[in-house]
Amino acid sequence: MSNQTIQQYNQVISSCKEIFLKKNLDYGSSWRIMRVSSLVDQILIKANRIRTLEENGIAKIDEGIEPEFKGIINYCIMGLIQLMPNNFEENPNTEVLSNYYDAQTSACLSLMLDKNHDYGEIWRQMLVSTFTDMLLMRVQRIKQIILNEGKTIASEGVESNLMDMINYSVFALIQLQEKTNNHA
């Protein structure tokens, strides 16, 4: 595992957290009213738009793929915060929200490091479009788990799927950034 990967990972998360906290200043914690299933539908919208842009190559709305991956990361964080036990504060202040964000992203970084240990950095050889497909698949998995009232027999739960989706999105953003840097 390279220090470069950890640095790139932290840069992506820092960028996403900045957006998350700025939007919290604009909107407050209005997202706290959303159920995890609604947040998953927001992820579906963003992942589907990424896939459409990948296939068509044309955007009519002046936002590319990168902001959509960042949005997915932040919706996943919202979902993880909603799943936190004893998490009853409806409108946490910025410091509390920042701490929640850090706790969730720290767990995702730890998961990524463990998986990179076992798999190597194979994700660097994957296509960004594969991450998009994996995001869409995870959305479907979570929807099925929700339909099963959160019960799984032999599979990971909602939390694990959200964490994987954060890591897939981070990997996609790292690759997109590297591609931009190589063409500059």
Protein backbone atom coordinates (compact mmCIF):
# COMPACT_ATOMS: atom_id res chain seq x y z
CA MET A 1 0.00 0.00 0.00
CA SER A 2 1.50 3.27 -1.05
CA ASN A 3 1.47 6.50 0.90
CA GLN A 4 0.39 8.08 -2.39
CA THR A 5 -2.88 6.15 -2.26
CA ILE A 6 -3.58 7.26 1.31
CA GLN A 7 -2.76 10.86 0.38
CA GLN A 8 -5.00 10.73 -2.71
CA TYR A 9 -7.78 9.11 -0.69
CA ASN A 10 -7.59 11.79 1.99
CA GLN A 11 -7.59 14.57 -0.63
CA VAL A 12 -10.78 13.22 -2.19
CA ILE A 13 -12.47 12.85 1.19
CA SER A 14 -11.37 16.34 2.24
CA SER A 15 -12.88 17.81 -0.92
CA CYS A 16 -16.15 15.95 -0.33
CA LYS A 17 -16.28 16.96 3.33
CA GLU A 18 -15.80 20.61 2.40
CA ILE A 19 -18.81 20.41 0.07
CA PHE A 20 -20.83 18.52 2.70
CA LEU A 21 -20.20 21.11 5.41
CA LYS A 22 -20.84 24.07 3.07
CA LYS A 23 -24.15 22.56 2.01
CA ASN A 24 -24.97 22.01 5.67
CA LEU A 25 -24.49 25.75 6.21
CA ASP A 26 -26.83 26.45 3.28
CA TYR A 27 -29.53 23.88 4.04
CA GLY A 28 -28.96 22.79 7.62
CA SER A 29 -29.45 19.13 8.33
CA SER A 30 -32.62 18.87 6.25
CA TRP A 31 -31.37 15.50 4.96
CA ARG A 32 -31.88 14.06 8.46
CA ILE A 33 -35.56 13.61 7.59
CA MET A 34 -34.65 11.16 4.84
CA ARG A 35 -34.74 7.44 5.38
CA VAL A 36 -31.78 5.39 4.22
CA SER A 37 -33.91 4.09 1.35
CA SER A 38 -34.44 7.67 0.11
CA LEU A 39 -30.72 8.40 0.35
CA VAL A 40 -30.06 5.24 -1.66
CA ASP A 41 -32.44 6.53 -4.34
CA GLN A 42 -30.41 9.76 -4.46
CA ILE A 43 -27.30 7.63 -5.02
CA LEU A 44 -29.17 5.77 -7.77
CA ILE A 45 -29.95 9.08 -9.51
CA LYS A 46 -26.33 10.17 -9.42
CA ALA A 47 -24.89 6.79 -10.47
CA ASN A 48 -27.40 6.54 -13.31
CA ARG A 49 -26.43 10.04 -14.53
CA ILE A 50 -22.75 9.01 -14.47
CA ARG A 51 -23.57 5.95 -16.56
CA THR A 52 -25.58 8.04 -19.02
CA LEU A 53 -22.68 10.49 -19.38
CA GLU A 54 -20.21 7.63 -19.82
CA GLU A 55 -22.34 6.10 -22.57
CA ASN A 56 -23.44 9.30 -24.35
CA GLY A 57 -20.45 11.54 -23.70
CA ILE A 58 -22.72 14.59 -23.76
CA ALA A 59 -24.01 16.54 -20.77
CA LYS A 60 -26.81 19.06 -21.08
CA ILE A 61 -26.36 20.13 -17.45
CA ASP A 62 -23.02 21.85 -16.88
CA GLU A 63 -21.74 19.35 -14.32
CA GLY A 64 -19.50 16.47 -15.18
CA ILE A 65 -18.95 13.08 -13.65
CA GLU A 66 -16.68 14.16 -10.79
CA PRO A 67 -19.32 16.16 -8.88
CA GLU A 68 -21.67 13.18 -9.16
CA PHE A 69 -19.11 10.82 -7.58
CA LYS A 70 -18.58 13.37 -4.81
CA GLY A 71 -22.33 13.56 -4.30
CA ILE A 72 -22.48 9.77 -4.02
CA ILE A 73 -19.80 9.83 -1.34
CA ASN A 74 -21.73 12.44 0.62
CA TYR A 75 -25.07 10.63 0.30
CA CYS A 76 -23.36 7.44 1.50
CA ILE A 77 -21.98 9.34 4.49
CA MET A 78 -25.48 10.62 5.22
CA GLY A 79 -26.76 7.06 5.11
CA LEU A 80 -24.02 5.86 7.45
CA ILE A 81 -24.78 8.70 9.86
CA GLN A 82 -28.47 7.79 9.75
CA LEU A 83 -27.54 4.20 10.65
CA MET A 84 -25.41 5.20 13.65
CA PRO A 85 -26.77 3.76 16.91
CA ASN A 86 -28.01 6.25 19.50
CA ASN A 87 -27.93 8.97 16.88
CA PHE A 88 -30.98 10.99 17.81
CA GLU A 89 -29.82 14.56 17.34
CA GLU A 90 -31.98 15.95 14.53
CA ASN A 91 -29.94 19.03 13.78
CA PRO A 92 -26.33 18.48 14.89
CA ASN A 93 -24.09 21.53 14.88
CA THR A 94 -21.21 21.74 12.40
CA GLU A 95 -18.64 20.38 14.85
CA VAL A 96 -20.76 17.33 15.71
CA LEU A 97 -21.55 16.74 12.05
CA SER A 98 -17.86 17.08 11.16
CA ASN A 99 -17.01 14.48 13.81
CA TYR A 100 -19.69 12.11 12.45
CA TYR A 101 -18.27 12.59 8.95
CA ASP A 102 -14.72 11.91 10.13
CA ALA A 103 -15.76 8.77 12.03
CA GLN A 104 -17.45 7.32 8.96
CA THR A 105 -14.67 8.21 6.52
CA SER A 106 -12.06 6.86 8.93
CA ALA A 107 -13.87 3.52 8.98
CA CYS A 108 -14.03 3.55 5.16
CA LEU A 109 -10.30 4.31 4.90
CA SER A 110 -9.55 1.44 7.26
CA LEU A 111 -11.72 -0.88 5.15
CA MET A 112 -9.96 0.27 1.98
CA LEU A 113 -6.54 -0.34 3.53
CA ASP A 114 -7.55 -3.85 4.60
CA LYS A 115 -8.92 -4.69 1.17
CA ASN A 116 -5.91 -3.19 -0.61
CA HIS A 117 -3.70 -5.36 1.58
CA ASP A 118 -5.53 -8.48 0.38
CA TYR A 119 -6.21 -7.48 -3.23
CA GLY A 120 -3.36 -5.11 -3.91
CA GLU A 121 -4.28 -1.98 -5.76
CA ILE A 122 -6.09 -3.87 -8.50
CA TRP A 123 -8.62 -1.02 -8.61
CA ARG A 124 -5.99 1.08 -10.40
CA GLN A 125 -6.31 -1.29 -13.37
CA MET A 126 -10.10 -1.14 -13.46
CA LEU A 127 -12.17 1.13 -15.68
CA VAL A 128 -14.10 4.02 -14.12
CA SER A 129 -17.18 2.63 -15.86
CA THR A 130 -16.76 -0.58 -13.83
CA PHE A 131 -17.01 1.46 -10.62
CA THR A 132 -20.21 2.99 -11.97
CA ASP A 133 -21.65 -0.46 -12.63
CA MET A 134 -20.56 -1.62 -9.18
CA LEU A 135 -22.30 1.40 -7.62
CA LEU A 136 -25.52 0.60 -9.47
CA MET A 137 -25.26 -3.05 -8.39
CA ARG A 138 -24.75 -2.01 -4.74
CA VAL A 139 -27.81 0.23 -4.93
CA GLN A 140 -29.85 -2.77 -6.05
CA ARG A 141 -28.38 -4.89 -3.25
CA ILE A 142 -29.28 -2.30 -0.63
CA LYS A 143 -32.81 -2.00 -2.00
CA GLN A 144 -33.19 -5.77 -1.71
CA ILE A 145 -31.84 -5.74 1.84
CA ILE A 146 -34.34 -3.01 2.72
CA LEU A 147 -37.14 -5.08 1.18
CA ASN A 148 -35.91 -7.96 3.37
CA GLU A 149 -36.33 -5.67 6.40
CA GLY A 150 -32.57 -5.44 6.86
CA LYS A 151 -32.08 -9.17 7.20
CA THR A 152 -29.38 -10.98 5.26
CA ILE A 153 -28.56 -14.68 5.25
CA ALA A 154 -25.05 -14.78 3.81
CA SER A 155 -24.36 -11.22 2.72
CA GLU A 156 -23.07 -7.92 4.01
CA GLY A 157 -25.60 -5.42 5.29
CA VAL A 158 -26.50 -1.90 4.24
CA GLU A 159 -23.60 -0.30 6.13
CA SER A 160 -20.95 -2.42 4.38
CA ASN A 161 -22.46 -1.70 0.98
CA LEU A 162 -22.47 2.06 1.66
CA MET A 163 -18.84 1.88 2.74
CA ASP A 164 -17.89 -0.01 -0.41
CA MET A 165 -19.71 2.59 -2.52
CA ILE A 166 -17.69 5.35 -0.87
CA ASN A 167 -14.48 3.52 -1.69
CA TYR A 168 -15.50 2.82 -5.30
CA SER A 169 -16.32 6.50 -5.74
CA VAL A 170 -13.00 7.56 -4.22
CA PHE A 171 -11.17 5.16 -6.57
CA ALA A 172 -13.03 6.60 -9.56
CA LEU A 173 -12.19 10.17 -8.51
CA ILE A 174 -8.50 9.28 -8.02
CA GLN A 175 -8.39 7.75 -11.49
CA LEU A 176 -10.18 10.73 -13.05
CA GLN A 177 -7.77 13.12 -11.33
CA GLU A 178 -4.76 11.11 -12.50
CA LYS A 179 -6.10 11.13 -16.04
CA THR A 180 -6.54 14.93 -15.87
CA ASN A 181 -3.01 15.35 -14.45
CA ASN A 182 -1.51 13.13 -17.18
CA HIS A 183 -3.18 15.18 -19.92
CA ALA A 184 -2.13 18.52 -18.44
